[in-house]
């Protein structure tokens, strides 16, 4: 019986990969996630993007980093994801003006 309860508690979490577009918040980042959809009439693939706010406990992600985020319990009004890992570091230094 305990085994059934433990399996019910395990939740499959969504893991999404994207690029950090803002890391100005304290313990928060904004990640741009790109995805492709097919146009219903012309059948051409179009790239769409979505901005997702994520929780970064250690403030380790910088703008331009390629990161993986996973869904979690609501942390604030807009934050429903947390930083899982940094896949690729950005070559742009933090604080550099472009």
Foldseek 3Di string as FASTA:
>chain_A
DVVVVVVVPDDDKDKAKFFWADLPDDQKTKGKGWDWDADPPPRDIDIDIDIAMEGRNVSPADGGWIFMWIADPDPDPGYGIYTDGTPGHHPDDPPDDD
